[in-house]
Amino acid sequence: MRTCRSLRLPAFAGAPLLFTVLLTFMTAVPASLSPAAATLPFSGEILTFDVTFLNIPVVTARLEMTEEGYSGDEPVIHLAVTGRSTPFYSLLYPVDNRYDAYFTWPSARTLRYSRSISEPGVDLQRTIHYDNGLAWTETEDPRPVPGDVRDLFTALFALRGYALCDSQVIESTLDLDGQIWIARTTVLGRETTETGLGEHDAVKVMVRFQPMDPDGPERPDSDVMTNNLVKEKTKLTFWFSDDERRLPLRAEYRMAPFSLKTVLRSAQEQ
C-alpha cells in the first residue's frame, strides 16, 4: 500500500495566463511505491481536458503517456502534452504548444524535457537533458543542478503515485530555465466533484511555489507556463480521483476576481 508522510522527494543523481493552468493540470514521485504502483499503472492513457474562463472554452488539451524502454532497471515514461486554443480564443491569443517529458518510474527522475512553443511573441524549440546532477542543451554547456531536480510536468505527474493522505505535504525541486524552485503540495482532504465523466470521489490538493534563491537572477522569457504559472503568489487547486488511478479530474487557478477552470472530458487507454 502507498504510505502517508510529509516529505521531500528523495535525491537522485542525475490573455496568456488563461493557457497556463491546463498544461500543468494534466500532469499532476512517491518516496516509496508498492510493487503494484510501480508497474506503470498510467501507461497508455489518453486524457482530454476542457479549459474555461467565465464558462467560455479557451483551450483544449490532450495528454498521452507511453512506455519508452528502460533507464537502468527502471522503465521510462514519455508524457506528451499538447494545448491548442479554441477557435474563439485563437482570435485573442492563438496557442499551439507541445511539451514532452521523459522520466523514470517510480523514481520520477527527469531524463529529457522538450518544449515546442507557438504563441504570440514566442517561437521556441528547446530540449534540456539531465544526468548526474547536470543539465544541458545542444547549444549550452552543462550546468549544475540539485540531484533531485526535475521538470514541472514530471513533478506534478508524480503526485499520482502518492497515497495523498489528508494533511500530507510533498515537496519537489524544479528546474525552470536555470532557476531552481520548490513545488510544495498540501493535501486538503476528500470531497465529491463534477467532471465531464460524471460525479467522482476526489482528493483535493493545493500546490504553491517558492524560489530557492529569491535574490537570484531573473528567469529568462520563454513560454506562458514558465513565465506565468510558477510564481510565489500562485495557488493551484487540483482534484484527483480517490482511487488507484488518481486521474486528474479538475483544476482551478485563482485569478481575481474570477478563476480559470480545467475539467477532464474523456479518459481512454491505448
C-alpha atoms as a PDB file:
ATOM      1  CA  MET A   1       0.000   0.000   0.000  1.00  0.00           C
ATOM      2  CA  ARG A   2       1.023   3.606  -0.513  1.00  0.00           C
ATOM      3  CA  THR A   3       2.161   5.189   2.712  1.00  0.00           C
ATOM      4  CA  CYS A   4       1.478   8.683   4.044  1.00  0.00           C
ATOM      5  CA  ARG A   5       4.055  11.080   5.370  1.00  0.00           C
ATOM      6  CA  SER A   6       5.191  14.640   4.840  1.00  0.00           C
ATOM      7  CA  LEU A   7       8.419  14.632   2.859  1.00  0.00           C
ATOM      8  CA  ARG A   8      10.679  15.977   0.199  1.00  0.00           C
ATOM      9  CA  LEU A   9      11.321  13.804  -2.810  1.00  0.00           C
ATOM     10  CA  PRO A  10      14.492  11.718  -2.453  1.00  0.00           C
ATOM     11  CA  ALA A  11      17.599  12.952  -4.253  1.00  0.00           C
ATOM     12  CA  PHE A  12      18.752  11.115  -7.342  1.00  0.00           C
ATOM     13  CA  ALA A  13      21.868  11.569  -9.418  1.00  0.00           C
ATOM     14  CA  GLY A  14      21.404  12.789 -12.244  1.00  0.00           C
ATOM     15  CA  ALA A  15      -4.947  36.858 -22.316  1.00  0.00           C
ATOM     16  CA  PRO A  16      -1.506  34.165 -21.838  1.00  0.00           C
ATOM     17  CA  LEU A  17      -2.484  33.360 -18.255  1.00  0.00           C
ATOM     18  CA  LEU A  18      -5.572  31.507 -19.454  1.00  0.00           C
ATOM     19  CA  PHE A  19      -3.432  28.883 -21.150  1.00  0.00           C
ATOM     20  CA  THR A  20      -1.048  28.322 -18.256  1.00  0.00           C
ATOM     21  CA  VAL A  21      -3.005  26.095 -15.870  1.00  0.00           C
ATOM     22  CA  LEU A  22      -4.255  23.456 -18.258  1.00  0.00           C
ATOM     23  CA  LEU A  23      -0.740  22.319 -19.063  1.00  0.00           C
ATOM     24  CA  THR A  24       0.179  21.532 -15.518  1.00  0.00           C
ATOM     25  CA  PHE A  25      -3.198  20.159 -14.555  1.00  0.00           C
ATOM     26  CA  MET A  26      -2.958  17.163 -16.824  1.00  0.00           C
ATOM     27  CA  THR A  27       0.272  16.063 -15.294  1.00  0.00           C
ATOM     28  CA  ALA A  28      -0.374  16.370 -11.904  1.00  0.00           C
ATOM     29  CA  VAL A  29       7.278  10.611  -7.016  1.00  0.00           C
ATOM     30  CA  PRO A  30       6.476   8.891  -4.295  1.00  0.00           C
ATOM     31  CA  ALA A  31       9.035   8.313  -1.559  1.00  0.00           C
ATOM     32  CA  SER A  32       8.018   4.684  -1.732  1.00  0.00           C
ATOM     33  CA  LEU A  33       5.621   2.864  -4.013  1.00  0.00           C
ATOM     34  CA  SER A  34       4.085  -0.537  -3.633  1.00  0.00           C
ATOM     35  CA  PRO A  35       5.003  -3.100  -6.336  1.00  0.00           C
ATOM     36  CA  ALA A  36       1.566  -2.593  -7.853  1.00  0.00           C
ATOM     37  CA  ALA A  37       2.074   1.164  -8.128  1.00  0.00           C
ATOM     38  CA  ALA A  38       5.484   0.665  -9.701  1.00  0.00           C
ATOM     39  CA  THR A  39       4.138  -1.299 -12.700  1.00  0.00           C
ATOM     40  CA  LEU A  40       3.307   1.711 -14.870  1.00  0.00           C
ATOM     41  CA  PRO A  41      -0.390   1.936 -13.992  1.00  0.00           C
ATOM     42  CA  PHE A  42      -0.774   5.029 -16.183  1.00  0.00           C
ATOM     43  CA  SER A  43       0.924   3.753 -19.353  1.00  0.00           C
ATOM     44  CA  GLY A  44      -1.302   4.014 -22.425  1.00  0.00           C
ATOM     45  CA  GLU A  45      -3.537   6.746 -21.039  1.00  0.00           C
ATOM     46  CA  ILE A  46      -5.049   9.384 -23.329  1.00  0.00           C
ATOM     47  CA  LEU A  47      -6.726  12.186 -21.390  1.00  0.00           C
ATOM     48  CA  THR A  48      -8.584  15.148 -22.887  1.00  0.00           C
ATOM     49  CA  PHE A  49      -9.430  18.344 -20.995  1.00  0.00           C
ATOM     50  CA  ASP A  50     -11.530  21.462 -21.473  1.00  0.00           C
ATOM     51  CA  VAL A  51     -10.301  24.755 -20.064  1.00  0.00           C
ATOM     52  CA  THR A  52     -12.825  27.529 -19.454  1.00  0.00           C
ATOM     53  CA  PHE A  53     -12.807  31.115 -18.257  1.00  0.00           C
ATOM     54  CA  LEU A  54     -16.170  32.657 -17.312  1.00  0.00           C
ATOM     55  CA  ASN A  55     -17.647  29.384 -18.656  1.00  0.00           C
ATOM     56  CA  ILE A  56     -16.168  30.140 -22.090  1.00  0.00           C
ATOM     57  CA  PRO A  57     -13.975  27.357 -23.597  1.00  0.00           C
ATOM     58  CA  VAL A  58     -10.494  28.758 -24.253  1.00  0.00           C
ATOM     59  CA  VAL A  59      -8.201  25.720 -24.688  1.00  0.00           C
ATOM     60  CA  THR A  60      -8.431  22.022 -25.468  1.00  0.00           C
ATOM     61  CA  ALA A  61      -5.609  19.925 -24.052  1.00  0.00           C
ATOM     62  CA  ARG A  62      -4.542  16.328 -24.558  1.00  0.00           C
ATOM     63  CA  LEU A  63      -2.194  14.102 -22.580  1.00  0.00           C
ATOM     64  CA  GLU A  64      -0.720  10.843 -23.848  1.00  0.00           C
ATOM     65  CA  MET A  65       1.533   8.529 -21.898  1.00  0.00           C
ATOM     66  CA  THR A  66       3.598   5.663 -23.305  1.00  0.00           C
ATOM     67  CA  GLU A  67       6.465   3.474 -22.146  1.00  0.00           C
ATOM     68  CA  GLU A  68       9.793   4.185 -23.870  1.00  0.00           C
ATOM     69  CA  GLY A  69      12.205   1.431 -22.866  1.00  0.00           C
ATOM     70  CA  TYR A  70      14.385   1.415 -19.749  1.00  0.00           C
ATOM     71  CA  SER A  71      16.983   3.520 -17.981  1.00  0.00           C
ATOM     72  CA  GLY A  72      18.936   1.107 -15.827  1.00  0.00           C
ATOM     73  CA  ASP A  73      16.347  -1.120 -14.179  1.00  0.00           C
ATOM     74  CA  GLU A  74      13.534   1.450 -14.324  1.00  0.00           C
ATOM     75  CA  PRO A  75      11.026   1.881 -17.171  1.00  0.00           C
ATOM     76  CA  VAL A  76      10.952   5.260 -18.893  1.00  0.00           C
ATOM     77  CA  ILE A  77       7.650   7.089 -19.334  1.00  0.00           C
ATOM     78  CA  HIS A  78       7.079   9.538 -22.185  1.00  0.00           C
ATOM     79  CA  LEU A  79       4.493  12.134 -21.204  1.00  0.00           C
ATOM     80  CA  ALA A  80       3.294  14.158 -24.209  1.00  0.00           C
ATOM     81  CA  VAL A  81       1.108  17.195 -23.519  1.00  0.00           C
ATOM     82  CA  THR A  82      -0.459  19.370 -26.215  1.00  0.00           C
ATOM     83  CA  GLY A  83      -2.529  22.505 -25.782  1.00  0.00           C
ATOM     84  CA  ARG A  84      -4.371  24.339 -28.540  1.00  0.00           C
ATOM     85  CA  SER A  85      -6.576  27.378 -28.203  1.00  0.00           C
ATOM     86  CA  THR A  86     -10.198  27.058 -29.284  1.00  0.00           C
ATOM     87  CA  PRO A  87     -11.280  28.850 -32.477  1.00  0.00           C
ATOM     88  CA  PHE A  88     -12.793  31.668 -30.404  1.00  0.00           C
ATOM     89  CA  TYR A  89      -9.800  32.142 -28.110  1.00  0.00           C
ATOM     90  CA  SER A  90      -7.410  31.911 -31.063  1.00  0.00           C
ATOM     91  CA  LEU A  91      -8.739  35.275 -32.179  1.00  0.00           C
ATOM     92  CA  LEU A  92      -7.404  36.745 -28.923  1.00  0.00           C
ATOM     93  CA  TYR A  93      -4.382  34.575 -28.148  1.00  0.00           C
ATOM     94  CA  PRO A  94      -3.555  31.724 -30.553  1.00  0.00           C
ATOM     95  CA  VAL A  95      -1.669  28.869 -28.896  1.00  0.00           C
ATOM     96  CA  ASP A  96      -0.300  25.631 -30.332  1.00  0.00           C
ATOM     97  CA  ASN A  97       2.169  24.195 -27.818  1.00  0.00           C
ATOM     98  CA  ARG A  98       3.654  20.783 -27.085  1.00  0.00           C
ATOM     99  CA  TYR A  99       5.616  19.541 -24.061  1.00  0.00           C
ATOM    100  CA  ASP A 100       7.449  16.191 -23.905  1.00  0.00           C
ATOM    101  CA  ALA A 101       8.811  14.870 -20.609  1.00  0.00           C
ATOM    102  CA  TYR A 102      10.815  11.630 -20.376  1.00  0.00           C
ATOM    103  CA  PHE A 103      11.286  10.286 -16.864  1.00  0.00           C
ATOM    104  CA  THR A 104      11.917   7.062 -14.970  1.00  0.00           C
ATOM    105  CA  TRP A 105       9.280   5.339 -12.850  1.00  0.00           C
ATOM    106  CA  PRO A 106       8.812   5.096  -9.943  1.00  0.00           C
ATOM    107  CA  SER A 107      11.732   7.425  -9.122  1.00  0.00           C
ATOM    108  CA  ALA A 108      10.380  10.133 -11.490  1.00  0.00           C
ATOM    109  CA  ARG A 109      13.906  11.149 -12.474  1.00  0.00           C
ATOM    110  CA  THR A 110      13.763  13.521 -15.437  1.00  0.00           C
ATOM    111  CA  LEU A 111      15.931  12.427 -18.365  1.00  0.00           C
ATOM    112  CA  ARG A 112      14.801  14.869 -21.051  1.00  0.00           C
ATOM    113  CA  TYR A 113      12.339  17.747 -21.298  1.00  0.00           C
ATOM    114  CA  SER A 114      11.335  19.330 -24.622  1.00  0.00           C
ATOM    115  CA  ARG A 115       9.122  22.272 -25.486  1.00  0.00           C
ATOM    116  CA  SER A 116       7.744  23.302 -28.871  1.00  0.00           C
ATOM    117  CA  ILE A 117       6.074  26.656 -28.303  1.00  0.00           C
ATOM    118  CA  SER A 118       3.999  28.691 -30.743  1.00  0.00           C
ATOM    119  CA  GLU A 119       2.192  31.617 -29.167  1.00  0.00           C
ATOM    120  CA  PRO A 120       2.221  35.410 -29.606  1.00  0.00           C
ATOM    121  CA  GLY A 121       5.742  36.704 -29.146  1.00  0.00           C
ATOM    122  CA  VAL A 122       7.262  33.259 -28.564  1.00  0.00           C
ATOM    123  CA  ASP A 123       8.579  30.739 -31.085  1.00  0.00           C
ATOM    124  CA  LEU A 124      10.634  28.314 -29.009  1.00  0.00           C
ATOM    125  CA  GLN A 125      12.158  24.901 -29.677  1.00  0.00           C
ATOM    126  CA  ARG A 126      14.155  23.744 -26.654  1.00  0.00           C
ATOM    127  CA  THR A 127      15.293  20.390 -25.247  1.00  0.00           C
ATOM    128  CA  ILE A 128      17.052  20.010 -21.882  1.00  0.00           C
ATOM    129  CA  HIS A 129      18.909  16.830 -20.910  1.00  0.00           C
ATOM    130  CA  TYR A 130      19.516  15.757 -17.298  1.00  0.00           C
ATOM    131  CA  ASP A 131      22.049  13.321 -15.899  1.00  0.00           C
ATOM    132  CA  ASN A 132      24.259  13.029 -12.808  1.00  0.00           C
ATOM    133  CA  GLY A 133      23.379  16.443 -11.360  1.00  0.00           C
ATOM    134  CA  LEU A 134      23.888  18.288 -14.657  1.00  0.00           C
ATOM    135  CA  ALA A 135      21.538  19.916 -17.161  1.00  0.00           C
ATOM    136  CA  TRP A 136      22.426  20.907 -20.719  1.00  0.00           C
ATOM    137  CA  THR A 137      21.069  21.658 -24.192  1.00  0.00           C
ATOM    138  CA  GLU A 138      22.579  21.214 -27.641  1.00  0.00           C
ATOM    139  CA  THR A 139      23.789  24.835 -27.601  1.00  0.00           C
ATOM    140  CA  GLU A 140      24.535  25.344 -23.889  1.00  0.00           C
ATOM    141  CA  ASP A 141      27.267  23.884 -21.725  1.00  0.00           C
ATOM    142  CA  PRO A 142      26.309  21.662 -18.775  1.00  0.00           C
ATOM    143  CA  ARG A 143      25.292  23.495 -15.612  1.00  0.00           C
ATOM    144  CA  PRO A 144      24.994  22.020 -12.131  1.00  0.00           C
ATOM    145  CA  VAL A 145      21.522  21.354 -10.741  1.00  0.00           C
ATOM    146  CA  PRO A 146      20.354  19.740  -7.485  1.00  0.00           C
ATOM    147  CA  GLY A 147      20.463  15.973  -7.608  1.00  0.00           C
ATOM    148  CA  ASP A 148      16.697  15.689  -7.120  1.00  0.00           C
ATOM    149  CA  VAL A 149      15.714  18.331  -9.685  1.00  0.00           C
ATOM    150  CA  ARG A 150      13.025  17.584 -12.260  1.00  0.00           C
ATOM    151  CA  ASP A 151      10.863  19.361 -14.803  1.00  0.00           C
ATOM    152  CA  LEU A 152       7.481  20.770 -13.824  1.00  0.00           C
ATOM    153  CA  PHE A 153       5.376  18.168 -15.628  1.00  0.00           C
ATOM    154  CA  THR A 154       7.231  15.227 -14.113  1.00  0.00           C
ATOM    155  CA  ALA A 155       6.983  16.709 -10.619  1.00  0.00           C
ATOM    156  CA  LEU A 156       3.235  17.232 -10.888  1.00  0.00           C
ATOM    157  CA  PHE A 157       2.589  13.902 -12.574  1.00  0.00           C
ATOM    158  CA  ALA A 158       4.451  12.153  -9.767  1.00  0.00           C
ATOM    159  CA  LEU A 159       1.756  13.236  -7.297  1.00  0.00           C
ATOM    160  CA  ARG A 160      -0.366  10.432  -8.740  1.00  0.00           C
ATOM    161  CA  GLY A 161       1.963   7.902  -7.142  1.00  0.00           C
ATOM    162  CA  TYR A 162       1.433   9.133  -3.590  1.00  0.00           C
ATOM    163  CA  ALA A 163      -1.127   7.967  -1.054  1.00  0.00           C
ATOM    164  CA  LEU A 164      -2.268  11.612  -0.774  1.00  0.00           C
ATOM    165  CA  CYS A 165      -3.381  11.298   2.847  1.00  0.00           C
ATOM    166  CA  ASP A 166      -5.142  14.228   4.485  1.00  0.00           C
ATOM    167  CA  SER A 167      -2.706  16.991   5.528  1.00  0.00           C
ATOM    168  CA  GLN A 168       0.222  15.277   3.790  1.00  0.00           C
ATOM    169  CA  VAL A 169       2.857  17.727   2.478  1.00  0.00           C
ATOM    170  CA  ILE A 170       5.024  16.840  -0.536  1.00  0.00           C
ATOM    171  CA  GLU A 171       7.911  18.924  -1.882  1.00  0.00           C
ATOM    172  CA  SER A 172       9.733  18.650  -5.182  1.00  0.00           C
ATOM    173  CA  THR A 173      12.660  20.605  -6.670  1.00  0.00           C
ATOM    174  CA  LEU A 174      12.063  22.166 -10.104  1.00  0.00           C
ATOM    175  CA  ASP A 175      14.386  23.450 -12.813  1.00  0.00           C
ATOM    176  CA  LEU A 176      12.798  26.360 -14.693  1.00  0.00           C
ATOM    177  CA  ASP A 177      15.227  27.577 -17.355  1.00  0.00           C
ATOM    178  CA  GLY A 178      18.060  27.759 -14.882  1.00  0.00           C
ATOM    179  CA  GLN A 179      16.048  28.937 -11.874  1.00  0.00           C
ATOM    180  CA  ILE A 180      15.501  26.398  -9.109  1.00  0.00           C
ATOM    181  CA  TRP A 181      12.118  26.390  -7.352  1.00  0.00           C
ATOM    182  CA  ILE A 182      10.306  24.276  -4.772  1.00  0.00           C
ATOM    183  CA  ALA A 183       6.799  22.995  -5.517  1.00  0.00           C
ATOM    184  CA  ARG A 184       5.008  22.360  -2.229  1.00  0.00           C
ATOM    185  CA  THR A 185       1.797  20.289  -2.350  1.00  0.00           C
ATOM    186  CA  THR A 186      -0.597  20.055   0.601  1.00  0.00           C
ATOM    187  CA  VAL A 187      -3.444  17.521   0.706  1.00  0.00           C
ATOM    188  CA  LEU A 188      -6.566  19.423   1.785  1.00  0.00           C
ATOM    189  CA  GLY A 189      -8.976  16.498   2.122  1.00  0.00           C
ATOM    190  CA  ARG A 190     -11.641  14.457   0.338  1.00  0.00           C
ATOM    191  CA  GLU A 191     -14.835  15.567  -1.409  1.00  0.00           C
ATOM    192  CA  THR A 192     -17.085  14.812  -4.369  1.00  0.00           C
ATOM    193  CA  THR A 193     -16.561  16.738  -7.591  1.00  0.00           C
ATOM    194  CA  GLU A 194     -18.177  17.015 -11.029  1.00  0.00           C
ATOM    195  CA  THR A 195     -16.337  16.266 -14.295  1.00  0.00           C
ATOM    196  CA  GLY A 196     -17.197  15.665 -17.912  1.00  0.00           C
ATOM    197  CA  LEU A 197     -17.386  11.987 -16.972  1.00  0.00           C
ATOM    198  CA  GLY A 198     -19.870  12.495 -14.140  1.00  0.00           C
ATOM    199  CA  GLU A 199     -19.518  12.758 -10.383  1.00  0.00           C
ATOM    200  CA  HIS A 200     -16.413  11.318  -8.676  1.00  0.00           C
ATOM    201  CA  ASP A 201     -14.950  10.963  -5.217  1.00  0.00           C
ATOM    202  CA  ALA A 202     -11.798  13.080  -5.217  1.00  0.00           C
ATOM    203  CA  VAL A 203      -8.678  14.039  -3.286  1.00  0.00           C
ATOM    204  CA  LYS A 204      -8.225  17.816  -3.136  1.00  0.00           C
ATOM    205  CA  VAL A 205      -4.706  19.275  -3.032  1.00  0.00           C
ATOM    206  CA  MET A 206      -3.137  22.732  -3.315  1.00  0.00           C
ATOM    207  CA  VAL A 207       0.219  23.468  -4.946  1.00  0.00           C
ATOM    208  CA  ARG A 208       2.343  26.539  -4.107  1.00  0.00           C
ATOM    209  CA  PHE A 209       5.746  27.578  -5.450  1.00  0.00           C
ATOM    210  CA  GLN A 210       8.791  29.121  -3.790  1.00  0.00           C
ATOM    211  CA  PRO A 211      12.179  30.098  -5.296  1.00  0.00           C
ATOM    212  CA  MET A 212      15.212  28.526  -3.661  1.00  0.00           C
ATOM    213  CA  ASP A 213      17.132  31.775  -4.207  1.00  0.00           C
ATOM    214  CA  PRO A 214      14.760  34.782  -4.108  1.00  0.00           C
ATOM    215  CA  ASP A 215      17.680  37.110  -4.878  1.00  0.00           C
ATOM    216  CA  GLY A 216      18.962  35.046  -7.795  1.00  0.00           C
ATOM    217  CA  PRO A 217      18.993  36.077 -11.470  1.00  0.00           C
ATOM    218  CA  GLU A 218      15.727  36.810 -13.247  1.00  0.00           C
ATOM    219  CA  ARG A 219      14.154  33.982 -15.184  1.00  0.00           C
ATOM    220  CA  PRO A 220      14.584  34.356 -18.955  1.00  0.00           C
ATOM    221  CA  ASP A 221      11.485  34.864 -21.079  1.00  0.00           C
ATOM    222  CA  SER A 222      10.050  31.666 -22.513  1.00  0.00           C
ATOM    223  CA  ASP A 223       6.554  30.173 -22.681  1.00  0.00           C
ATOM    224  CA  VAL A 224       3.494  31.111 -20.615  1.00  0.00           C
ATOM    225  CA  MET A 225       3.924  28.011 -18.482  1.00  0.00           C
ATOM    226  CA  THR A 226       7.271  29.143 -17.102  1.00  0.00           C
ATOM    227  CA  ASN A 227       6.545  32.860 -17.089  1.00  0.00           C
ATOM    228  CA  ASN A 228       3.054  32.967 -15.618  1.00  0.00           C
ATOM    229  CA  LEU A 229       2.386  29.855 -13.583  1.00  0.00           C
ATOM    230  CA  VAL A 230       5.348  29.297 -11.297  1.00  0.00           C
ATOM    231  CA  LYS A 231       5.245  32.343  -9.042  1.00  0.00           C
ATOM    232  CA  GLU A 232       5.133  32.770  -5.284  1.00  0.00           C
ATOM    233  CA  LYS A 233       1.593  34.138  -5.402  1.00  0.00           C
ATOM    234  CA  THR A 234       0.246  31.218  -7.447  1.00  0.00           C
ATOM    235  CA  LYS A 235      -2.351  28.930  -5.836  1.00  0.00           C
ATOM    236  CA  LEU A 236      -3.253  25.839  -7.845  1.00  0.00           C
ATOM    237  CA  THR A 237      -6.002  23.519  -6.631  1.00  0.00           C
ATOM    238  CA  PHE A 238      -6.260  20.001  -8.070  1.00  0.00           C
ATOM    239  CA  TRP A 239      -8.801  17.217  -7.650  1.00  0.00           C
ATOM    240  CA  PHE A 240      -7.505  13.667  -8.270  1.00  0.00           C
ATOM    241  CA  SER A 241      -9.776  10.638  -8.344  1.00  0.00           C
ATOM    242  CA  ASP A 242      -9.797   8.921  -4.944  1.00  0.00           C
ATOM    243  CA  ASP A 243      -8.825   5.514  -6.329  1.00  0.00           C
ATOM    244  CA  GLU A 244      -5.763   3.702  -7.670  1.00  0.00           C
ATOM    245  CA  ARG A 245      -5.792   5.589 -10.979  1.00  0.00           C
ATOM    246  CA  ARG A 246      -5.521   9.049  -9.392  1.00  0.00           C
ATOM    247  CA  LEU A 247      -6.990  10.605 -12.526  1.00  0.00           C
ATOM    248  CA  PRO A 248      -6.677  14.412 -12.653  1.00  0.00           C
ATOM    249  CA  LEU A 249     -10.358  15.346 -12.596  1.00  0.00           C
ATOM    250  CA  ARG A 250     -10.368  19.113 -12.147  1.00  0.00           C
ATOM    251  CA  ALA A 251      -8.104  22.069 -11.517  1.00  0.00           C
ATOM    252  CA  GLU A 252      -8.674  25.669 -10.561  1.00  0.00           C
ATOM    253  CA  TYR A 253      -6.325  28.612 -10.814  1.00  0.00           C
ATOM    254  CA  ARG A 254      -7.458  31.507  -8.650  1.00  0.00           C
ATOM    255  CA  MET A 255      -7.495  34.798 -10.526  1.00  0.00           C
ATOM    256  CA  ALA A 256      -9.126  37.887  -9.044  1.00  0.00           C
ATOM    257  CA  PRO A 257     -12.000  38.295  -9.447  1.00  0.00           C
ATOM    258  CA  PHE A 258     -12.601  35.055 -11.407  1.00  0.00           C
ATOM    259  CA  SER A 259     -10.962  31.622 -11.704  1.00  0.00           C
ATOM    260  CA  LEU A 260      -9.664  29.602 -14.613  1.00  0.00           C
ATOM    261  CA  LYS A 261     -11.099  26.074 -14.529  1.00  0.00           C
ATOM    262  CA  THR A 262      -9.942  22.822 -16.145  1.00  0.00           C
ATOM    263  CA  VAL A 263     -12.137  19.711 -16.325  1.00  0.00           C
ATOM    264  CA  LEU A 264     -11.442  16.175 -17.554  1.00  0.00           C
ATOM    265  CA  ARG A 265     -13.609  15.463 -20.604  1.00  0.00           C
ATOM    266  CA  SER A 266     -12.513  11.929 -21.545  1.00  0.00           C
ATOM    267  CA  ALA A 267     -10.147   9.189 -20.388  1.00  0.00           C
ATOM    268  CA  GLN A 268      -9.100   6.406 -22.751  1.00  0.00           C
ATOM    269  CA  GLU A 269      -6.454   3.706 -22.898  1.00  0.00           C
ATOM    270  CA  GLN A 270      -4.428   2.748 -25.966  1.00  0.00           C
END
